[in-house]
PDB file of N, CA and C in Angstrom:
ATOM      1  N   MET A   1      68.381 103.598  92.044  1.00  0.00           N
ATOM      2  CA  MET A   1      69.652 104.290  91.962  1.00  0.00           C
ATOM      3  C   MET A   1      70.610 103.678  92.980  1.00  0.00           C
ATOM      4  N   HIS A   2      71.861 103.616  92.633  1.00  0.00           N
ATOM      5  CA  HIS A   2      72.866 103.043  93.522  1.00  0.00           C
ATOM      6  C   HIS A   2      73.301 104.069  94.549  1.00  0.00           C
ATOM      7  N   SER A   3      73.557 103.593  95.746  1.00  0.00           N
ATOM      8  CA  SER A   3      73.990 104.504  96.803  1.00  0.00           C
ATOM      9  C   SER A   3      75.476 104.333  97.112  1.00  0.00           C
ATOM     10  N   GLU A   4      76.244 103.874  96.125  1.00  0.00           N
ATOM     11  CA  GLU A   4      77.675 103.698  96.331  1.00  0.00           C
ATOM     12  C   GLU A   4      78.374 105.051  96.366  1.00  0.00           C
ATOM     13  N   THR A   5      79.294 105.172  97.285  1.00  0.00           N
ATOM     14  CA  THR A   5      80.061 106.408  97.373  1.00  0.00           C
ATOM     15  C   THR A   5      81.338 106.267  96.562  1.00  0.00           C
ATOM     16  N   SER A   6      81.988 107.372  96.358  1.00  0.00           N
ATOM     17  CA  SER A   6      83.258 107.371  95.640  1.00  0.00           C
ATOM     18  C   SER A   6      84.281 106.494  96.368  1.00  0.00           C
ATOM     19  N   ASN A   7      84.267 106.561  97.697  1.00  0.00           N
ATOM     20  CA  ASN A   7      85.197 105.765  98.493  1.00  0.00           C
ATOM     21  C   ASN A   7      84.920 104.269  98.311  1.00  0.00           C
ATOM     22  N   ASP A   8      83.635 103.894  98.267  1.00  0.00           N
ATOM     23  CA  ASP A   8      83.283 102.494  98.050  1.00  0.00           C
ATOM     24  C   ASP A   8      83.800 102.011  96.698  1.00  0.00           C
ATOM     25  N   LEU A   9      83.640 102.849  95.686  1.00  0.00           N
ATOM     26  CA  LEU A   9      84.120 102.492  94.348  1.00  0.00           C
ATOM     27  C   LEU A   9      85.635 102.383  94.318  1.00  0.00           C
ATOM     28  N   THR A  10      86.296 103.281  95.020  1.00  0.00           N
ATOM     29  CA  THR A  10      87.752 103.245  95.083  1.00  0.00           C
ATOM     30  C   THR A  10      88.222 101.969  95.758  1.00  0.00           C
ATOM     31  N   GLN A  11      87.591 101.620  96.875  1.00  0.00           N
ATOM     32  CA  GLN A  11      87.961 100.391  97.586  1.00  0.00           C
ATOM     33  C   GLN A  11      87.682  99.164  96.712  1.00  0.00           C
ATOM     34  N   SER A  12      86.589  99.188  95.986  1.00  0.00           N
ATOM     35  CA  SER A  12      86.276  98.078  95.084  1.00  0.00           C
ATOM     36  C   SER A  12      87.331  97.956  93.996  1.00  0.00           C
ATOM     37  N   GLY A  13      87.744  99.090  93.444  1.00  0.00           N
ATOM     38  CA  GLY A  13      88.790  99.093  92.429  1.00  0.00           C
ATOM     39  C   GLY A  13      90.104  98.558  92.972  1.00  0.00           C
ATOM     40  N   LEU A  14      90.428  98.936  94.200  1.00  0.00           N
ATOM     41  CA  LEU A  14      91.650  98.453  94.839  1.00  0.00           C
ATOM     42  C   LEU A  14      91.584  96.942  95.023  1.00  0.00           C
ATOM     43  N   GLN A  15      90.446  96.434  95.466  1.00  0.00           N
ATOM     44  CA  GLN A  15      90.300  94.990  95.667  1.00  0.00           C
ATOM     45  C   GLN A  15      90.401  94.235  94.338  1.00  0.00           C
ATOM     46  N   ILE A  16      89.864  94.803  93.284  1.00  0.00           N
ATOM     47  CA  ILE A  16      89.975  94.179  91.960  1.00  0.00           C
ATOM     48  C   ILE A  16      91.435  94.149  91.516  1.00  0.00           C
ATOM     49  N   ALA A  17      92.140  95.250  91.736  1.00  0.00           N
ATOM     50  CA  ALA A  17      93.560  95.312  91.365  1.00  0.00           C
ATOM     51  C   ALA A  17      94.373  94.289  92.156  1.00  0.00           C
ATOM     52  N   ILE A  18      94.077  94.145  93.440  1.00  0.00           N
ATOM     53  CA  ILE A  18      94.783  93.157  94.266  1.00  0.00           C
ATOM     54  C   ILE A  18      94.494  91.749  93.756  1.00  0.00           C
ATOM     55  N   GLN A  19      93.246  91.482  93.424  1.00  0.00           N
ATOM     56  CA  GLN A  19      92.895  90.152  92.913  1.00  0.00           C
ATOM     57  C   GLN A  19      93.588  89.878  91.581  1.00  0.00           C
ATOM     58  N   ASP A  20      93.706  90.897  90.735  1.00  0.00           N
ATOM     59  CA  ASP A  20      94.422  90.738  89.466  1.00  0.00           C
ATOM     60  C   ASP A  20      95.885  90.376  89.708  1.00  0.00           C
ATOM     61  N   ILE A  21      96.499  91.021  90.693  1.00  0.00           N
ATOM     62  CA  ILE A  21      97.893  90.709  91.035  1.00  0.00           C
ATOM     63  C   ILE A  21      97.990  89.262  91.496  1.00  0.00           C
ATOM     64  N   LYS A  22      97.068  88.858  92.352  1.00  0.00           N
ATOM     65  CA  LYS A  22      97.084  87.473  92.857  1.00  0.00           C
ATOM     66  C   LYS A  22      96.891  86.471  91.720  1.00  0.00           C
ATOM     67  N   ASP A  23      96.014  86.801  90.787  1.00  0.00           N
ATOM     68  CA  ASP A  23      95.767  85.910  89.657  1.00  0.00           C
ATOM     69  C   ASP A  23      96.992  85.794  88.751  1.00  0.00           C
ATOM     70  N   GLU A  24      97.718  86.896  88.615  1.00  0.00           N
ATOM     71  CA  GLU A  24      98.871  86.913  87.712  1.00  0.00           C
ATOM     72  C   GLU A  24     100.125  86.317  88.354  1.00  0.00           C
ATOM     73  N   LEU A  25     100.367  86.647  89.624  1.00  0.00           N
ATOM     74  CA  LEU A  25     101.614  86.233  90.277  1.00  0.00           C
ATOM     75  C   LEU A  25     101.439  85.041  91.215  1.00  0.00           C
ATOM     76  N   PHE A  26     100.219  84.586  91.364  1.00  0.00           N
ATOM     77  CA  PHE A  26      99.894  83.451  92.215  1.00  0.00           C
ATOM     78  C   PHE A  26     100.328  83.725  93.658  1.00  0.00           C
ATOM     79  N   ASP A  27     100.686  82.697  94.373  1.00  0.00           N
ATOM     80  CA  ASP A  27     101.047  82.839  95.776  1.00  0.00           C
ATOM     81  C   ASP A  27     102.569  82.785  95.896  1.00  0.00           C
ATOM     82  N   THR A  28     103.195  83.948  95.722  1.00  0.00           N
ATOM     83  CA  THR A  28     104.655  84.042  95.747  1.00  0.00           C
ATOM     84  C   THR A  28     105.060  85.275  96.548  1.00  0.00           C
ATOM     85  N   PRO A  29     106.317  85.356  96.948  1.00  0.00           N
ATOM     86  CA  PRO A  29     106.780  86.581  97.614  1.00  0.00           C
ATOM     87  C   PRO A  29     106.618  87.801  96.710  1.00  0.00           C
ATOM     88  N   GLU A  30     106.811  87.618  95.409  1.00  0.00           N
ATOM     89  CA  GLU A  30     106.670  88.728  94.468  1.00  0.00           C
ATOM     90  C   GLU A  30     105.233  89.243  94.452  1.00  0.00           C
ATOM     91  N   CYS A  31     104.286  88.337  94.616  1.00  0.00           N
ATOM     92  CA  CYS A  31     102.877  88.715  94.669  1.00  0.00           C
ATOM     93  C   CYS A  31     102.619  89.597  95.898  1.00  0.00           C
ATOM     94  N   ASP A  32     103.103  89.157  97.041  1.00  0.00           N
ATOM     95  CA  ASP A  32     102.914  89.936  98.268  1.00  0.00           C
ATOM     96  C   ASP A  32     103.589  91.300  98.159  1.00  0.00           C
ATOM     97  N   TYR A  33     104.781  91.326  97.581  1.00  0.00           N
ATOM     98  CA  TYR A  33     105.504  92.581  97.391  1.00  0.00           C
ATOM     99  C   TYR A  33     104.727  93.523  96.477  1.00  0.00           C
ATOM    100  N   ALA A  34     104.184  92.985  95.380  1.00  0.00           N
ATOM    101  CA  ALA A  34     103.418  93.812  94.438  1.00  0.00           C
ATOM    102  C   ALA A  34     102.163  94.376  95.104  1.00  0.00           C
ATOM    103  N   ILE A  35     101.525  93.589  95.947  1.00  0.00           N
ATOM    104  CA  ILE A  35     100.342  94.068  96.665  1.00  0.00           C
ATOM    105  C   ILE A  35     100.741  95.177  97.639  1.00  0.00           C
ATOM    106  N   ALA A  36     101.851  95.000  98.335  1.00  0.00           N
ATOM    107  CA  ALA A  36     102.332  96.041  99.259  1.00  0.00           C
ATOM    108  C   ALA A  36     102.652  97.323  98.498  1.00  0.00           C
ATOM    109  N   GLN A  37     103.248  97.202  97.316  1.00  0.00           N
ATOM    110  CA  GLN A  37     103.536  98.373  96.479  1.00  0.00           C
ATOM    111  C   GLN A  37     102.256  99.097  96.108  1.00  0.00           C
ATOM    112  N   LEU A  38     101.255  98.347  95.684  1.00  0.00           N
ATOM    113  CA  LEU A  38      99.978  98.932  95.292  1.00  0.00           C
ATOM    114  C   LEU A  38      99.342  99.660  96.471  1.00  0.00           C
ATOM    115  N   LEU A  39      99.331  99.025  97.624  1.00  0.00           N
ATOM    116  CA  LEU A  39      98.753  99.656  98.811  1.00  0.00           C
ATOM    117  C   LEU A  39      99.496 100.935  99.168  1.00  0.00           C
ATOM    118  N   THR A  40     100.811 100.915  99.058  1.00  0.00           N
ATOM    119  CA  THR A  40     101.618 102.104  99.347  1.00  0.00           C
ATOM    120  C   THR A  40     101.240 103.233  98.403  1.00  0.00           C
ATOM    121  N   ARG A  41     101.123 102.917  97.125  1.00  0.00           N
ATOM    122  CA  ARG A  41     100.778 103.938  96.131  1.00  0.00           C
ATOM    123  C   ARG A  41      99.377 104.488  96.338  1.00  0.00           C
ATOM    124  N   TRP A  42      98.501 103.699  96.939  1.00  0.00           N
ATOM    125  CA  TRP A  42      97.132 104.135  97.200  1.00  0.00           C
ATOM    126  C   TRP A  42      97.019 104.792  98.568  1.00  0.00           C
ATOM    127  N   GLY A  43      98.165 105.066  99.200  1.00  0.00           N
ATOM    128  CA  GLY A  43      98.156 105.773 100.471  1.00  0.00           C
ATOM    129  C   GLY A  43      97.738 104.919 101.654  1.00  0.00           C
ATOM    130  N   GLN A  44      97.889 103.618 101.532  1.00  0.00           N
ATOM    131  CA  GLN A  44      97.516 102.717 102.615  1.00  0.00           C
ATOM    132  C   GLN A  44      98.758 102.022 103.155  1.00  0.00           C
ATOM    133  N   ALA A  45      99.681 102.844 103.658  1.00  0.00           N
ATOM    134  CA  ALA A  45     100.975 102.348 104.127  1.00  0.00           C
ATOM    135  C   ALA A  45     100.819 101.378 105.297  1.00  0.00           C
ATOM    136  N   GLU A  46      99.837 101.597 106.133  1.00  0.00           N
ATOM    137  CA  GLU A  46      99.639 100.706 107.278  1.00  0.00           C
ATOM    138  C   GLU A  46      99.311  99.283 106.809  1.00  0.00           C
ATOM    139  N   LYS A  47      98.434  99.182 105.823  1.00  0.00           N
ATOM    140  CA  LYS A  47      98.099  97.869 105.271  1.00  0.00           C
ATOM    141  C   LYS A  47      99.290  97.271 104.527  1.00  0.00           C
ATOM    142  N   ALA A  48     100.037  98.115 103.832  1.00  0.00           N
ATOM    143  CA  ALA A  48     101.227  97.640 103.120  1.00  0.00           C
ATOM    144  C   ALA A  48     102.242  97.085 104.102  1.00  0.00           C
ATOM    145  N   ASP A  49     102.415  97.778 105.224  1.00  0.00           N
ATOM    146  CA  ASP A  49     103.323  97.333 106.272  1.00  0.00           C
ATOM    147  C   ASP A  49     102.894  95.961 106.795  1.00  0.00           C
ATOM    148  N   GLN A  50     101.608  95.783 106.971  1.00  0.00           N
ATOM    149  CA  GLN A  50     101.075  94.503 107.448  1.00  0.00           C
ATOM    150  C   GLN A  50     101.360  93.393 106.430  1.00  0.00           C
ATOM    151  N   VAL A  51     101.175  93.690 105.149  1.00  0.00           N
ATOM    152  CA  VAL A  51     101.443  92.696 104.103  1.00  0.00           C
ATOM    153  C   VAL A  51     102.912  92.295 104.121  1.00  0.00           C
ATOM    154  N   LEU A  52     103.803  93.274 104.285  1.00  0.00           N
ATOM    155  CA  LEU A  52     105.241  92.970 104.316  1.00  0.00           C
ATOM    156  C   LEU A  52     105.606  92.142 105.549  1.00  0.00           C
ATOM    157  N   ASP A  53     105.012  92.466 106.691  1.00  0.00           N
ATOM    158  CA  ASP A  53     105.267  91.677 107.905  1.00  0.00           C
ATOM    159  C   ASP A  53     104.789  90.234 107.724  1.00  0.00           C
ATOM    160  N   GLU A  54     103.585  90.085 107.169  1.00  0.00           N
ATOM    161  CA  GLU A  54     103.042  88.744 106.928  1.00  0.00           C
ATOM    162  C   GLU A  54     103.888  87.992 105.907  1.00  0.00           C
ATOM    163  N   MET A  55     104.450  88.741 104.965  1.00  0.00           N
ATOM    164  CA  MET A  55     105.302  88.135 103.947  1.00  0.00           C
ATOM    165  C   MET A  55     106.510  87.461 104.597  1.00  0.00           C
ATOM    166  N   LEU A  56     107.118  88.129 105.561  1.00  0.00           N
ATOM    167  CA  LEU A  56     108.271  87.546 106.260  1.00  0.00           C
ATOM    168  C   LEU A  56     107.872  86.288 107.021  1.00  0.00           C
ATOM    169  N   MET A  57     106.719  86.348 107.694  1.00  0.00           N
ATOM    170  CA  MET A  57     106.281  85.175 108.452  1.00  0.00           C
ATOM    171  C   MET A  57     105.936  84.013 107.509  1.00  0.00           C
ATOM    172  N   LYS A  58     105.356  84.333 106.383  1.00  0.00           N
ATOM    173  CA  LYS A  58     104.897  83.309 105.442  1.00  0.00           C
ATOM    174  C   LYS A  58     106.049  82.675 104.670  1.00  0.00           C
ATOM    175  N   TRP A  59     106.984  83.506 104.201  1.00  0.00           N
ATOM    176  CA  TRP A  59     108.019  83.026 103.295  1.00  0.00           C
ATOM    177  C   TRP A  59     109.383  82.863 103.943  1.00  0.00           C
ATOM    178  N   GLY A  60     109.533  83.307 105.181  1.00  0.00           N
ATOM    179  CA  GLY A  60     110.814  83.153 105.850  1.00  0.00           C
ATOM    180  C   GLY A  60     111.772  84.283 105.518  1.00  0.00           C
ATOM    181  N   THR A  61     113.026  84.046 105.828  1.00  0.00           N
ATOM    182  CA  THR A  61     114.020  85.120 105.690  1.00  0.00           C
ATOM    183  C   THR A  61     115.101  84.762 104.669  1.00  0.00           C
ATOM    184  N   SER A  62     114.684  84.210 103.559  1.00  0.00           N
ATOM    185  CA  SER A  62     115.654  83.950 102.489  1.00  0.00           C
ATOM    186  C   SER A  62     116.146  85.294 101.965  1.00  0.00           C
ATOM    187  N   PRO A  63     117.329  85.323 101.350  1.00  0.00           N
ATOM    188  CA  PRO A  63     117.840  86.587 100.814  1.00  0.00           C
ATOM    189  C   PRO A  63     116.859  87.268  99.852  1.00  0.00           C
ATOM    190  N   GLU A  64     116.159  86.474  99.031  1.00  0.00           N
ATOM    191  CA  GLU A  64     115.201  87.041  98.077  1.00  0.00           C
ATOM    192  C   GLU A  64     114.049  87.741  98.806  1.00  0.00           C
ATOM    193  N   VAL A  65     113.515  87.084  99.823  1.00  0.00           N
ATOM    194  CA  VAL A  65     112.393  87.644 100.576  1.00  0.00           C
ATOM    195  C   VAL A  65     112.840  88.877 101.351  1.00  0.00           C
ATOM    196  N   LEU A  66     114.006  88.801 101.965  1.00  0.00           N
ATOM    197  CA  LEU A  66     114.525  89.964 102.699  1.00  0.00           C
ATOM    198  C   LEU A  66     114.736  91.153 101.771  1.00  0.00           C
ATOM    199  N   ALA A  67     115.238  90.901 100.568  1.00  0.00           N
ATOM    200  CA  ALA A  67     115.458  91.988  99.608  1.00  0.00           C
ATOM    201  C   ALA A  67     114.127  92.631  99.202  1.00  0.00           C
ATOM    202  N   LEU A  68     113.112  91.809  98.956  1.00  0.00           N
ATOM    203  CA  LEU A  68     111.803  92.346  98.574  1.00  0.00           C
ATOM    204  C   LEU A  68     111.173  93.147  99.713  1.00  0.00           C
ATOM    205  N   THR A  69     111.246  92.620 100.927  1.00  0.00           N
ATOM    206  CA  THR A  69     110.644  93.353 102.045  1.00  0.00           C
ATOM    207  C   THR A  69     111.391  94.656 102.299  1.00  0.00           C
ATOM    208  N   GLN A  70     112.715  94.627 102.182  1.00  0.00           N
ATOM    209  CA  GLN A  70     113.492  95.854 102.380  1.00  0.00           C
ATOM    210  C   GLN A  70     113.117  96.898 101.332  1.00  0.00           C
ATOM    211  N   ARG A  71     112.973  96.470 100.078  1.00  0.00           N
ATOM    212  CA  ARG A  71     112.536  97.399  99.022  1.00  0.00           C
ATOM    213  C   ARG A  71     111.154  97.956  99.336  1.00  0.00           C
ATOM    214  N   GLY A  72     110.276  97.083  99.817  1.00  0.00           N
ATOM    215  CA  GLY A  72     108.927  97.518 100.164  1.00  0.00           C
ATOM    216  C   GLY A  72     108.929  98.559 101.268  1.00  0.00           C
ATOM    217  N   TYR A  73     109.712  98.309 102.323  1.00  0.00           N
ATOM    218  CA  TYR A  73     109.789  99.283 103.420  1.00  0.00           C
ATOM    219  C   TYR A  73     110.418 100.594 102.951  1.00  0.00           C
ATOM    220  N   THR A  74     111.423 100.505 102.108  1.00  0.00           N
ATOM    221  CA  THR A  74     112.072 101.707 101.578  1.00  0.00           C
ATOM    222  C   THR A  74     111.089 102.526 100.746  1.00  0.00           C
ATOM    223  N   GLU A  75     110.293 101.858  99.927  1.00  0.00           N
ATOM    224  CA  GLU A  75     109.292 102.562  99.113  1.00  0.00           C
ATOM    225  C   GLU A  75     108.231 103.217  99.990  1.00  0.00           C
ATOM    226  N   MET A  76     107.859 102.541 101.084  1.00  0.00           N
ATOM    227  CA  MET A  76     106.869 103.121 101.997  1.00  0.00           C
ATOM    228  C   MET A  76     107.404 104.402 102.626  1.00  0.00           C
ATOM    229  N   VAL A  77     108.658 104.374 103.056  1.00  0.00           N
ATOM    230  CA  VAL A  77     109.266 105.563 103.657  1.00  0.00           C
ATOM    231  C   VAL A  77     109.364 106.671 102.626  1.00  0.00           C
ATOM    232  N   GLY A  78     109.789 106.329 101.415  1.00  0.00           N
ATOM    233  CA  GLY A  78     109.880 107.320 100.349  1.00  0.00           C
ATOM    234  C   GLY A  78     108.531 107.912 100.016  1.00  0.00           C
ATOM    235  N   SER A  79     107.515 107.087 100.017  1.00  0.00           N
ATOM    236  CA  SER A  79     106.163 107.556  99.734  1.00  0.00           C
ATOM    237  C   SER A  79     105.677 108.504 100.828  1.00  0.00           C
ATOM    238  N   ARG A  80     105.968 108.171 102.069  1.00  0.00           N
ATOM    239  CA  ARG A  80     105.574 109.043 103.183  1.00  0.00           C
ATOM    240  C   ARG A  80     106.289 110.382 103.111  1.00  0.00           C
ATOM    241  N   GLU A  81     107.583 110.349 102.772  1.00  0.00           N
ATOM    242  CA  GLU A  81     108.342 111.592 102.669  1.00  0.00           C
ATOM    243  C   GLU A  81     107.817 112.437 101.522  1.00  0.00           C
ATOM    244  N   LEU A  82     107.511 111.813 100.403  1.00  0.00           N
ATOM    245  CA  LEU A  82     106.973 112.530  99.256  1.00  0.00           C
ATOM    246  C   LEU A  82     105.628 113.144  99.611  1.00  0.00           C
ATOM    247  N   SER A  83     104.809 112.384 100.294  1.00  0.00           N
ATOM    248  CA  SER A  83     103.493 112.876 100.719  1.00  0.00           C
ATOM    249  C   SER A  83     103.648 114.051 101.670  1.00  0.00           C
ATOM    250  N   ALA A  84     104.579 113.955 102.601  1.00  0.00           N
ATOM    251  CA  ALA A  84     104.811 115.045 103.545  1.00  0.00           C
ATOM    252  C   ALA A  84     105.327 116.278 102.817  1.00  0.00           C
ATOM    253  N   ASP A  85     106.212 116.087 101.830  1.00  0.00           N
ATOM    254  CA  ASP A  85     106.712 117.217 101.047  1.00  0.00           C
ATOM    255  C   ASP A  85     105.575 117.888 100.295  1.00  0.00           C
ATOM    256  N   ASN A  86     104.689 117.093  99.709  1.00  0.00           N
ATOM    257  CA  ASN A  86     103.552 117.654  98.984  1.00  0.00           C
ATOM    258  C   ASN A  86     102.635 118.408  99.924  1.00  0.00           C
ATOM    259  N   ASP A  87     102.411 117.872 101.120  1.00  0.00           N
ATOM    260  CA  ASP A  87     101.572 118.556 102.103  1.00  0.00           C
ATOM    261  C   ASP A  87     102.183 119.891 102.486  1.00  0.00           C
ATOM    262  N   GLU A  88     103.494 119.926 102.687  1.00  0.00           N
ATOM    263  CA  GLU A  88     104.178 121.162 103.050  1.00  0.00           C
ATOM    264  C   GLU A  88     104.063 122.183 101.916  1.00  0.00           C
ATOM    265  N   THR A  89     104.206 121.723 100.692  1.00  0.00           N
ATOM    266  CA  THR A  89     104.118 122.617  99.544  1.00  0.00           C
ATOM    267  C   THR A  89     102.729 123.226  99.455  1.00  0.00           C
ATOM    268  N   ILE A  90     101.733 122.416  99.735  1.00  0.00           N
ATOM    269  CA  ILE A  90     100.359 122.904  99.658  1.00  0.00           C
ATOM    270  C   ILE A  90     100.065 123.878 100.789  1.00  0.00           C
ATOM    271  N   ARG A  91     100.517 123.578 101.999  1.00  0.00           N
ATOM    272  CA  ARG A  91     100.199 124.412 103.161  1.00  0.00           C
ATOM    273  C   ARG A  91     100.968 125.717 103.191  1.00  0.00           C
ATOM    274  N   LYS A  92     102.237 125.660 102.800  1.00  0.00           N
ATOM    275  CA  LYS A  92     103.071 126.855 102.876  1.00  0.00           C
ATOM    276  C   LYS A  92     103.057 127.566 101.528  1.00  0.00           C
ATOM    277  N   PRO A  93     102.688 128.833 101.522  1.00  0.00           N
ATOM    278  CA  PRO A  93     102.764 129.563 100.255  1.00  0.00           C
ATOM    279  C   PRO A  93     104.220 129.711  99.836  1.00  0.00           C
ATOM    280  N   GLN A  94     104.455 129.563  98.585  1.00  0.00           N
ATOM    281  CA  GLN A  94     105.802 129.703  98.066  1.00  0.00           C
ATOM    282  C   GLN A  94     106.167 131.180  97.982  1.00  0.00           C
ATOM    283  N   LYS A  95     107.371 131.496  98.420  1.00  0.00           N
ATOM    284  CA  LYS A  95     107.838 132.872  98.316  1.00  0.00           C
ATOM    285  C   LYS A  95     108.263 133.114  96.879  1.00  0.00           C
ATOM    286  N   THR A  96     107.762 134.183  96.338  1.00  0.00           N
ATOM    287  CA  THR A  96     108.146 134.534  94.975  1.00  0.00           C
ATOM    288  C   THR A  96     108.694 135.951  94.995  1.00  0.00           C
ATOM    289  N   THR A  97     109.606 136.177  94.134  1.00  0.00           N
ATOM    290  CA  THR A  97     110.145 137.521  94.025  1.00  0.00           C
ATOM    291  C   THR A  97     109.357 138.260  92.972  1.00  0.00           C
ATOM    292  N   PRO A  98     109.112 139.525  93.187  1.00  0.00           N
ATOM    293  CA  PRO A  98     108.353 140.269  92.181  1.00  0.00           C
ATOM    294  C   PRO A  98     109.136 140.320  90.872  1.00  0.00           C
ATOM    295  N   ALA A  99     108.401 140.392  89.804  1.00  0.00           N
ATOM    296  CA  ALA A  99     109.034 140.461  88.488  1.00  0.00           C
ATOM    297  C   ALA A  99     109.873 141.733  88.407  1.00  0.00           C
ATOM    298  N   ALA A 100     111.017 141.610  87.783  1.00  0.00           N
ATOM    299  CA  ALA A 100     111.897 142.753  87.644  1.00  0.00           C
ATOM    300  C   ALA A 100     111.259 143.777  86.699  1.00  0.00           C
ATOM    301  N   LEU A 101     111.342 145.026  87.103  1.00  0.00           N
ATOM    302  CA  LEU A 101     110.798 146.089  86.255  1.00  0.00           C
ATOM    303  C   LEU A 101     111.953 146.728  85.491  1.00  0.00           C
ATOM    304  N   ASP A 102     111.805 146.865  84.203  1.00  0.00           N
ATOM    305  CA  ASP A 102     112.826 147.504  83.402  1.00  0.00           C
ATOM    306  C   ASP A 102     112.644 148.999  83.493  1.00  0.00           C
ATOM    307  N   VAL A 103     113.718 149.682  83.823  1.00  0.00           N
ATOM    308  CA  VAL A 103     113.657 151.138  83.903  1.00  0.00           C
ATOM    309  C   VAL A 103     114.105 151.665  82.549  1.00  0.00           C
ATOM    310  N   VAL A 104     113.263 152.472  81.978  1.00  0.00           N
ATOM    311  CA  VAL A 104     113.539 153.026  80.660  1.00  0.00           C
ATOM    312  C   VAL A 104     113.947 154.475  80.853  1.00  0.00           C
ATOM    313  N   ALA A 105     115.122 154.812  80.350  1.00  0.00           N
ATOM    314  CA  ALA A 105     115.591 156.198  80.471  1.00  0.00           C
ATOM    315  C   ALA A 105     114.836 157.057  79.461  1.00  0.00           C
ATOM    316  N   ALA A 106     114.392 158.219  79.914  1.00  0.00           N
ATOM    317  CA  ALA A 106     113.618 159.088  79.038  1.00  0.00           C
ATOM    318  C   ALA A 106     114.486 160.111  78.378  1.00  0.00           C
TER     319      ALA A 106
END
């Protein structure tokens, strides 16, 4: 019997997805950006941030590269805010008003 955990399978799936991106987009700024997007969506913003930083060092500061990295950082911030909003929604019970009761005259 295999002793793989759910987390191991998830990490394996993530690595396969990253390799698929690399195979499809080769070694380009778009490839690095797509990998950073995937990492962000999988809740690995720290790794995504590292990919974007390495992207700047690797590809330089051409307008195209700067635009991609800026989009990547913006998506990371948006993802963090969305995650924080979801956490707040889960932790805080929503206030609801009781259903209105119809008064029937007798």
